Amino acid sequence: MNYRILTGAVLLLCVSFGAAAQRQSEITGEIVDSEGAAIANARVLVHWDSAGSTVGLSDNIGIQHDVIVTTDTTGRYSAVVPAGFYDVFVSAMAFTPTAAKVRVKKEQRITYNSTLRPDPLVSRELAH
C-alpha cells in the first residue's frame, strides 16, 4: 500500500515538473478597423528577431519558423511562442498592413492589438 502511494506521488511530481518545463509564452490581441469593428480572417505573422541572441541575451530563445495565425470572427488571435523579441505583421484584404516589435518574456502573455486602416489604393479602385 505504501509503495502505491509513493509511486503515485512520484508520478504526479514528474508530470507536474514536465508540464511546467513546457510552458510557453503567448501573444494575443484583437484586430479592428478604423471604426472599431472586428476584422475576421486577418493574417497575423509572428517573426522572431534574433538580434541579441548572439550577444548572450538568454531570454531571446525565439523560433526558427514564423508563426502564422488568423483572427476569428471577433477579430481575436493567439500565437504561442517561446520568450524572445518578435516582429508582428498584421494584414487583411483591402487594408494597409501594420507591423510592430514586441518582447515576450518567459511564460508571459502579452497583448498586441492593431487597428487597420482602409488601403487607399484599393478604396480608389473600388470607387471607380
N, C-alpha and C. Protein backbone atom coordinates (compact mmCIF):
# COMPACT_ATOMS: atom_id res chain seq x y z
N MET A 1 0.83 -1.19 0.00
CA MET A 1 0.00 0.00 0.00
C MET A 1 0.87 1.25 0.00
N ASN A 2 1.90 1.28 0.86
CA ASN A 2 2.78 2.45 0.92
C ASN A 2 3.51 2.67 -0.40
N TYR A 3 3.87 1.56 -1.08
CA TYR A 3 4.56 1.69 -2.36
C TYR A 3 3.66 2.33 -3.41
N ARG A 4 2.38 1.99 -3.39
CA ARG A 4 1.44 2.58 -4.34
C ARG A 4 1.32 4.08 -4.12
N ILE A 5 1.21 4.49 -2.88
CA ILE A 5 1.10 5.92 -2.58
C ILE A 5 2.37 6.65 -3.00
N LEU A 6 3.51 6.07 -2.66
CA LEU A 6 4.80 6.68 -3.02
C LEU A 6 4.96 6.75 -4.53
N THR A 7 4.62 5.67 -5.24
CA THR A 7 4.73 5.65 -6.69
C THR A 7 3.80 6.70 -7.31
N GLY A 8 2.59 6.79 -6.80
CA GLY A 8 1.64 7.79 -7.29
C GLY A 8 2.12 9.20 -7.07
N ALA A 9 2.70 9.46 -5.90
CA ALA A 9 3.21 10.79 -5.58
C ALA A 9 4.38 11.16 -6.49
N VAL A 10 5.28 10.21 -6.72
CA VAL A 10 6.43 10.47 -7.59
C VAL A 10 5.96 10.72 -9.02
N LEU A 11 5.01 9.93 -9.49
CA LEU A 11 4.48 10.11 -10.84
C LEU A 11 3.82 11.48 -11.00
N LEU A 12 3.04 11.87 -10.02
CA LEU A 12 2.38 13.18 -10.05
C LEU A 12 3.40 14.30 -10.07
N LEU A 13 4.44 14.16 -9.28
CA LEU A 13 5.50 15.16 -9.22
C LEU A 13 6.22 15.27 -10.56
N CYS A 14 6.51 14.16 -11.20
CA CYS A 14 7.18 14.17 -12.51
C CYS A 14 6.31 14.83 -13.57
N VAL A 15 5.03 14.51 -13.58
CA VAL A 15 4.11 15.12 -14.54
C VAL A 15 4.03 16.62 -14.31
N SER A 16 3.98 17.05 -13.06
CA SER A 16 3.91 18.48 -12.75
C SER A 16 5.14 19.22 -13.24
N PHE A 17 6.33 18.66 -12.99
CA PHE A 17 7.56 19.30 -13.45
C PHE A 17 7.63 19.33 -14.97
N GLY A 18 7.20 18.27 -15.62
CA GLY A 18 7.21 18.22 -17.08
C GLY A 18 6.30 19.27 -17.69
N ALA A 19 5.12 19.45 -17.12
CA ALA A 19 4.19 20.45 -17.63
C ALA A 19 4.74 21.85 -17.42
N ALA A 20 5.36 22.10 -16.28
CA ALA A 20 5.91 23.42 -16.01
C ALA A 20 7.07 23.74 -16.94
N ALA A 21 7.87 22.75 -17.28
CA ALA A 21 9.02 22.97 -18.15
C ALA A 21 8.59 23.29 -19.58
N GLN A 22 7.40 22.86 -19.98
CA GLN A 22 6.94 23.07 -21.34
C GLN A 22 6.07 24.31 -21.50
N ARG A 23 5.88 25.09 -20.45
CA ARG A 23 5.03 26.27 -20.55
C ARG A 23 5.66 27.27 -21.51
N GLN A 24 4.84 27.80 -22.38
CA GLN A 24 5.30 28.74 -23.39
C GLN A 24 4.74 30.13 -23.09
N SER A 25 5.20 31.07 -23.84
CA SER A 25 4.67 32.42 -23.79
C SER A 25 3.63 32.56 -24.89
N GLU A 26 2.91 33.70 -24.88
CA GLU A 26 1.83 33.85 -25.84
C GLU A 26 1.64 35.31 -26.21
N ILE A 27 1.37 35.55 -27.48
CA ILE A 27 0.98 36.88 -27.96
C ILE A 27 -0.48 36.78 -28.35
N THR A 28 -1.31 37.62 -27.76
CA THR A 28 -2.74 37.62 -28.08
C THR A 28 -3.15 39.04 -28.44
N GLY A 29 -4.30 39.16 -29.06
CA GLY A 29 -4.77 40.51 -29.36
C GLY A 29 -6.04 40.50 -30.18
N GLU A 30 -6.41 41.71 -30.56
CA GLU A 30 -7.62 41.92 -31.35
C GLU A 30 -7.29 42.86 -32.50
N ILE A 31 -7.76 42.53 -33.68
CA ILE A 31 -7.54 43.34 -34.87
C ILE A 31 -8.88 43.96 -35.27
N VAL A 32 -8.88 45.30 -35.37
CA VAL A 32 -10.10 46.02 -35.70
C VAL A 32 -9.82 47.01 -36.83
N ASP A 33 -10.92 47.53 -37.43
CA ASP A 33 -10.75 48.57 -38.44
C ASP A 33 -10.80 49.94 -37.78
N SER A 34 -10.70 51.00 -38.57
CA SER A 34 -10.63 52.35 -38.02
C SER A 34 -11.89 52.78 -37.30
N GLU A 35 -12.98 52.05 -37.48
CA GLU A 35 -14.22 52.36 -36.76
C GLU A 35 -14.43 51.44 -35.57
N GLY A 36 -13.47 50.56 -35.31
CA GLY A 36 -13.55 49.68 -34.15
C GLY A 36 -14.23 48.34 -34.40
N ALA A 37 -14.60 48.07 -35.65
CA ALA A 37 -15.24 46.80 -35.98
C ALA A 37 -14.18 45.70 -36.12
N ALA A 38 -14.50 44.53 -35.62
CA ALA A 38 -13.58 43.39 -35.70
C ALA A 38 -13.31 43.00 -37.14
N ILE A 39 -12.07 42.63 -37.42
CA ILE A 39 -11.70 42.14 -38.75
C ILE A 39 -11.46 40.64 -38.64
N ALA A 40 -12.37 39.88 -39.20
CA ALA A 40 -12.23 38.42 -39.21
C ALA A 40 -11.27 38.01 -40.31
N ASN A 41 -10.58 36.91 -40.11
CA ASN A 41 -9.65 36.33 -41.09
C ASN A 41 -8.46 37.21 -41.43
N ALA A 42 -8.11 38.15 -40.56
CA ALA A 42 -6.87 38.90 -40.75
C ALA A 42 -5.71 37.94 -40.50
N ARG A 43 -4.63 38.16 -41.20
CA ARG A 43 -3.45 37.30 -41.05
C ARG A 43 -2.45 37.97 -40.11
N VAL A 44 -2.02 37.23 -39.10
CA VAL A 44 -1.03 37.72 -38.14
C VAL A 44 0.20 36.83 -38.26
N LEU A 45 1.31 37.43 -38.67
CA LEU A 45 2.56 36.70 -38.85
C LEU A 45 3.52 37.14 -37.76
N VAL A 46 4.04 36.18 -37.01
CA VAL A 46 4.98 36.45 -35.92
C VAL A 46 6.35 35.93 -36.34
N HIS A 47 7.31 36.86 -36.44
CA HIS A 47 8.66 36.54 -36.93
C HIS A 47 9.67 36.85 -35.84
N TRP A 48 10.48 35.87 -35.49
CA TRP A 48 11.50 36.04 -34.45
C TRP A 48 12.59 36.98 -34.91
N ASP A 49 12.94 37.95 -34.07
CA ASP A 49 14.07 38.85 -34.31
C ASP A 49 15.23 38.31 -33.49
N SER A 50 16.19 37.71 -34.16
CA SER A 50 17.28 37.04 -33.45
C SER A 50 18.32 38.00 -32.87
N ALA A 51 18.18 39.30 -33.13
CA ALA A 51 19.14 40.26 -32.57
C ALA A 51 19.19 40.10 -31.06
N GLY A 52 20.36 40.03 -30.54
CA GLY A 52 20.53 39.85 -29.10
C GLY A 52 20.82 38.42 -28.71
N SER A 53 20.34 37.47 -29.50
CA SER A 53 20.59 36.07 -29.13
C SER A 53 22.06 35.72 -29.28
N THR A 54 22.77 36.42 -30.15
CA THR A 54 24.19 36.14 -30.37
C THR A 54 25.09 36.88 -29.40
N VAL A 55 24.52 37.79 -28.61
CA VAL A 55 25.34 38.53 -27.64
C VAL A 55 25.01 38.14 -26.21
N GLY A 56 24.33 37.02 -26.05
CA GLY A 56 24.12 36.50 -24.71
C GLY A 56 22.81 36.82 -24.04
N LEU A 57 21.81 37.33 -24.77
CA LEU A 57 20.50 37.53 -24.14
C LEU A 57 19.83 36.17 -24.04
N SER A 58 19.91 35.56 -22.89
CA SER A 58 19.45 34.18 -22.72
C SER A 58 17.94 34.04 -22.84
N ASP A 59 17.19 35.15 -22.69
CA ASP A 59 15.74 35.04 -22.79
C ASP A 59 15.23 35.34 -24.20
N ASN A 60 16.12 35.43 -25.19
CA ASN A 60 15.70 35.59 -26.58
C ASN A 60 15.83 34.24 -27.28
N ILE A 61 15.00 33.31 -26.84
CA ILE A 61 15.05 31.93 -27.32
C ILE A 61 14.59 31.85 -28.77
N GLY A 62 13.41 32.41 -29.04
CA GLY A 62 12.90 32.52 -30.40
C GLY A 62 12.48 31.22 -31.05
N ILE A 63 12.16 31.34 -32.34
CA ILE A 63 11.68 30.22 -33.15
C ILE A 63 12.38 30.25 -34.50
N GLN A 64 12.52 29.11 -35.12
CA GLN A 64 13.18 29.04 -36.42
C GLN A 64 12.23 29.33 -37.58
N HIS A 65 10.94 29.08 -37.39
CA HIS A 65 9.95 29.29 -38.44
C HIS A 65 8.90 30.27 -37.95
N ASP A 66 8.41 31.08 -38.86
CA ASP A 66 7.38 32.05 -38.50
C ASP A 66 6.11 31.34 -38.04
N VAL A 67 5.39 32.00 -37.15
CA VAL A 67 4.07 31.53 -36.72
C VAL A 67 3.05 32.39 -37.44
N ILE A 68 2.11 31.75 -38.12
CA ILE A 68 1.07 32.48 -38.84
C ILE A 68 -0.28 32.01 -38.32
N VAL A 69 -1.08 32.96 -37.86
CA VAL A 69 -2.43 32.65 -37.37
C VAL A 69 -3.40 33.62 -38.03
N THR A 70 -4.68 33.29 -37.98
CA THR A 70 -5.71 34.20 -38.49
C THR A 70 -6.67 34.53 -37.36
N THR A 71 -7.28 35.69 -37.49
CA THR A 71 -8.23 36.12 -36.47
C THR A 71 -9.55 35.36 -36.63
N ASP A 72 -10.24 35.22 -35.51
CA ASP A 72 -11.55 34.58 -35.54
C ASP A 72 -12.61 35.61 -35.93
N THR A 73 -13.88 35.27 -35.81
CA THR A 73 -14.96 36.18 -36.21
C THR A 73 -15.05 37.42 -35.34
N THR A 74 -14.43 37.39 -34.17
CA THR A 74 -14.43 38.57 -33.29
C THR A 74 -13.15 39.38 -33.42
N GLY A 75 -12.29 39.01 -34.38
CA GLY A 75 -11.04 39.74 -34.60
C GLY A 75 -9.92 39.34 -33.66
N ARG A 76 -10.12 38.31 -32.87
CA ARG A 76 -9.10 37.91 -31.88
C ARG A 76 -8.17 36.83 -32.46
N TYR A 77 -6.94 36.84 -31.93
CA TYR A 77 -5.96 35.84 -32.33
C TYR A 77 -5.09 35.48 -31.14
N SER A 78 -4.36 34.39 -31.28
CA SER A 78 -3.43 33.94 -30.24
C SER A 78 -2.31 33.17 -30.92
N ALA A 79 -1.06 33.50 -30.55
CA ALA A 79 0.11 32.80 -31.09
C ALA A 79 1.00 32.39 -29.93
N VAL A 80 1.26 31.10 -29.80
CA VAL A 80 2.11 30.57 -28.73
C VAL A 80 3.55 30.56 -29.24
N VAL A 81 4.44 31.20 -28.48
CA VAL A 81 5.85 31.33 -28.87
C VAL A 81 6.73 31.24 -27.63
N PRO A 82 8.00 30.88 -27.79
CA PRO A 82 8.92 30.96 -26.65
C PRO A 82 9.32 32.42 -26.40
N ALA A 83 9.97 32.66 -25.30
CA ALA A 83 10.43 34.01 -24.98
C ALA A 83 11.32 34.54 -26.09
N GLY A 84 11.23 35.86 -26.32
CA GLY A 84 12.08 36.46 -27.34
C GLY A 84 11.54 37.78 -27.84
N PHE A 85 12.25 38.34 -28.81
CA PHE A 85 11.83 39.56 -29.49
C PHE A 85 11.21 39.16 -30.82
N TYR A 86 10.07 39.74 -31.14
CA TYR A 86 9.35 39.36 -32.35
C TYR A 86 8.86 40.59 -33.11
N ASP A 87 8.81 40.44 -34.45
CA ASP A 87 8.12 41.40 -35.31
C ASP A 87 6.76 40.79 -35.59
N VAL A 88 5.71 41.57 -35.35
CA VAL A 88 4.35 41.10 -35.59
C VAL A 88 3.79 41.88 -36.77
N PHE A 89 3.46 41.17 -37.84
CA PHE A 89 2.90 41.78 -39.05
C PHE A 89 1.43 41.40 -39.14
N VAL A 90 0.57 42.39 -39.39
CA VAL A 90 -0.87 42.14 -39.49
C VAL A 90 -1.35 42.63 -40.85
N SER A 91 -2.09 41.78 -41.55
CA SER A 91 -2.63 42.18 -42.86
C SER A 91 -4.02 41.59 -43.04
N ALA A 92 -4.81 42.28 -43.85
CA ALA A 92 -6.15 41.82 -44.20
C ALA A 92 -6.50 42.42 -45.56
N MET A 93 -7.32 41.73 -46.31
CA MET A 93 -7.70 42.19 -47.63
C MET A 93 -8.35 43.58 -47.55
N ALA A 94 -7.90 44.48 -48.40
CA ALA A 94 -8.41 45.85 -48.53
C ALA A 94 -7.96 46.79 -47.41
N PHE A 95 -6.99 46.36 -46.60
CA PHE A 95 -6.46 47.20 -45.52
C PHE A 95 -4.96 47.36 -45.67
N THR A 96 -4.43 48.48 -45.17
CA THR A 96 -2.99 48.71 -45.13
C THR A 96 -2.40 47.88 -44.00
N PRO A 97 -1.38 47.08 -44.25
CA PRO A 97 -0.80 46.25 -43.19
C PRO A 97 -0.09 47.08 -42.12
N THR A 98 0.08 46.48 -40.95
CA THR A 98 0.82 47.12 -39.86
C THR A 98 1.90 46.16 -39.37
N ALA A 99 2.86 46.74 -38.66
CA ALA A 99 3.94 45.92 -38.08
C ALA A 99 4.40 46.58 -36.79
N ALA A 100 4.83 45.76 -35.85
CA ALA A 100 5.36 46.27 -34.58
C ALA A 100 6.33 45.24 -34.01
N LYS A 101 7.24 45.72 -33.20
CA LYS A 101 8.17 44.84 -32.49
C LYS A 101 7.65 44.66 -31.07
N VAL A 102 7.64 43.41 -30.60
CA VAL A 102 7.19 43.12 -29.24
C VAL A 102 8.22 42.23 -28.56
N ARG A 103 8.28 42.34 -27.25
CA ARG A 103 9.14 41.46 -26.46
C ARG A 103 8.24 40.59 -25.59
N VAL A 104 8.50 39.31 -25.63
CA VAL A 104 7.75 38.36 -24.83
C VAL A 104 8.72 37.70 -23.86
N LYS A 105 8.41 37.80 -22.59
CA LYS A 105 9.27 37.17 -21.58
C LYS A 105 8.79 35.75 -21.30
N LYS A 106 9.62 34.99 -20.63
CA LYS A 106 9.33 33.59 -20.33
C LYS A 106 7.99 33.47 -19.60
N GLU A 107 7.14 32.57 -20.11
CA GLU A 107 5.84 32.24 -19.52
C GLU A 107 4.95 33.47 -19.38
N GLN A 108 5.08 34.44 -20.29
CA GLN A 108 4.30 35.67 -20.23
C GLN A 108 3.28 35.69 -21.36
N ARG A 109 2.12 36.27 -21.09
CA ARG A 109 1.13 36.51 -22.13
C ARG A 109 1.08 38.02 -22.34
N ILE A 110 1.36 38.45 -23.55
CA ILE A 110 1.28 39.88 -23.84
C ILE A 110 0.16 40.12 -24.84
N THR A 111 -0.35 41.33 -24.84
CA THR A 111 -1.42 41.71 -25.75
C THR A 111 -0.89 42.70 -26.77
N TYR A 112 -1.10 42.40 -28.04
CA TYR A 112 -0.79 43.33 -29.11
C TYR A 112 -2.04 43.48 -29.96
N ASN A 113 -2.70 44.62 -29.82
CA ASN A 113 -3.88 44.95 -30.62
C ASN A 113 -3.44 45.83 -31.78
N SER A 114 -4.18 45.76 -32.88
CA SER A 114 -3.84 46.59 -34.03
C SER A 114 -5.10 47.10 -34.70
N THR A 115 -5.04 48.36 -35.13
CA THR A 115 -6.12 48.97 -35.90
C THR A 115 -5.65 49.12 -37.33
N LEU A 116 -6.36 48.49 -38.26
CA LEU A 116 -6.01 48.58 -39.67
C LEU A 116 -6.85 49.66 -40.34
N ARG A 117 -6.19 50.41 -41.20
CA ARG A 117 -6.85 51.48 -41.97
C ARG A 117 -7.15 50.96 -43.38
N PRO A 118 -8.25 51.43 -43.97
CA PRO A 118 -8.53 51.02 -45.35
C PRO A 118 -7.37 51.39 -46.27
N ASP A 119 -7.04 50.50 -47.19
CA ASP A 119 -5.96 50.76 -48.13
C ASP A 119 -6.44 51.78 -49.16
N PRO A 120 -5.76 52.94 -49.27
CA PRO A 120 -6.23 53.98 -50.19
C PRO A 120 -6.25 53.53 -51.65
N LEU A 121 -5.31 52.70 -52.05
CA LEU A 121 -5.28 52.23 -53.44
C LEU A 121 -6.50 51.37 -53.73
N VAL A 122 -6.81 50.46 -52.84
CA VAL A 122 -7.98 49.60 -53.03
C VAL A 122 -9.25 50.43 -52.98
N SER A 123 -9.32 51.38 -52.05
CA SER A 123 -10.51 52.23 -51.93
C SER A 123 -10.76 53.00 -53.22
N ARG A 124 -9.69 53.55 -53.82
CA ARG A 124 -9.82 54.29 -55.09
C ARG A 124 -10.30 53.38 -56.21
N GLU A 125 -9.76 52.17 -56.26
CA GLU A 125 -10.16 51.24 -57.31
C GLU A 125 -11.62 50.84 -57.17
N LEU A 126 -12.07 50.66 -55.94
CA LEU A 126 -13.47 50.28 -55.71
C LEU A 126 -14.42 51.41 -56.05
N ALA A 127 -13.96 52.65 -55.92
CA ALA A 127 -14.80 53.81 -56.20
C ALA A 127 -15.04 53.99 -57.70
N HIS A 128 -14.18 53.41 -58.54
CA HIS A 128 -14.31 53.59 -60.00
C HIS A 128 -15.08 52.49 -60.62
